[in-house]
Protein backbone atom coordinates (compact mmCIF):
# COMPACT_ATOMS: atom_id res chain seq x y z
CA MET A 1 -0.04 -0.16 0.02
CA ALA A 2 1.16 3.70 -0.80
CA ASP A 3 2.07 6.41 1.65
CA ALA A 4 0.60 9.74 1.48
CA PRO A 5 2.78 11.78 -0.27
CA GLY A 6 5.00 13.87 1.95
CA ARG A 7 5.40 17.59 1.74
CA ASN A 8 7.96 18.38 -0.50
CA ASP A 9 6.92 15.40 -2.91
CA PRO A 10 5.26 16.17 -6.14
CA CYS A 11 1.58 16.34 -6.19
CA PRO A 12 -0.51 13.49 -7.31
CA CYS A 13 -2.91 15.54 -8.97
CA GLY A 14 0.05 15.97 -11.98
CA SER A 15 -0.34 19.48 -11.28
CA GLY A 16 3.71 19.34 -11.44
CA GLU A 17 3.84 21.43 -7.96
CA LYS A 18 4.94 20.42 -4.80
CA HIS A 19 2.27 19.02 -2.42
CA LYS A 20 2.41 21.62 0.01
CA TYR A 21 1.77 24.36 -2.40
CA CYS A 22 -0.95 22.08 -4.51
CA CYS A 23 -3.50 20.06 -2.66
CA MET A 24 -2.26 19.35 0.85
CA ASN A 25 -4.05 22.04 2.34
CA GLU A 26 -7.66 21.04 0.70
CA THR A 27 -10.62 19.56 2.83
CA PRO A 28 -12.62 17.38 0.98
CA TRP A 29 -16.48 18.83 0.53
CA TYR A 30 -18.01 16.11 3.43
CA LYS A 31 -15.79 17.64 5.61
CA ASN A 32 -16.48 21.22 4.95
CA ARG A 33 -18.10 22.89 8.21
CA LEU A 34 -20.21 25.22 6.17
CA PHE A 35 -21.39 22.30 4.00
CA THR A 36 -22.03 20.14 7.45
CA GLY A 37 -23.87 22.69 8.93
CA ALA A 38 -26.03 23.58 6.05
CA VAL A 39 -27.64 20.33 5.94
CA ILE A 40 -27.75 20.23 9.56
CA ALA A 41 -30.35 23.32 9.51
CA LEU A 42 -32.01 22.07 6.10
CA LEU A 43 -32.64 18.84 8.10
CA LEU A 44 -34.02 20.49 11.17
CA VAL A 45 -36.10 22.76 9.33
CA ALA A 46 -37.59 19.79 7.31
CA ALA A 47 -38.26 18.53 11.02
CA LEU A 48 -40.04 20.90 11.93
CA LEU A 49 -41.95 21.19 8.70
CA LEU A 50 -43.05 17.75 9.26
CA ILE A 51 -43.80 17.96 13.03
CA GLY A 52 -46.11 21.23 12.28
CA ASN A 53 -47.83 19.27 9.69
CA LEU A 54 -48.80 16.14 11.89
CA PHE A 55 -49.83 18.34 14.58
CA PHE A 56 -51.13 21.66 13.19
CA GLY A 57 -51.42 20.71 9.61
CA GLY A 58 -54.38 18.63 7.45
CA GLY A 59 -57.24 20.57 8.26
CA ALA A 60 -60.59 20.66 6.06
CA ALA A 61 -59.80 19.09 2.70
CA THR A 62 -60.74 21.81 -0.37
CA GLY A 63 -61.69 20.07 -3.81
CA CYS A 64 -65.07 18.57 -2.78
CA PRO A 65 -67.49 18.40 -5.57
CA PRO A 66 -70.42 20.86 -5.61
CA GLY A 67 -73.22 20.12 -2.95
CA GLN A 68 -70.47 18.01 -0.67
CA VAL A 69 -69.11 18.91 2.17
CA TRP A 70 -65.74 17.91 3.85
CA SER A 71 -66.44 15.57 7.06
CA GLU A 72 -63.71 15.78 9.84
CA ALA A 73 -65.11 12.37 11.55
CA HIS A 74 -64.90 9.87 8.07
CA GLY A 75 -61.53 12.17 6.75
CA HIS A 76 -63.60 12.63 2.99
CA CYS A 77 -66.33 14.77 1.32
CA HIS A 78 -70.03 13.72 2.03
């Protein structure tokens, strides 16, 4: 198994520069704190919307045919 390149070794990306000047300090996208924070925030918002819809959403359905009304007890138009 190959060892990781040293600071002064050529960069494995093929740029011809030393590893310390080319790719040594790059952080992969999945280890980026901003990306991780954005994903966590998005998941929290989605969870809050889902919970809010379960407890407070739903309500009366619209779109019943003319002459019918929505029945909360049965969950359909009558």
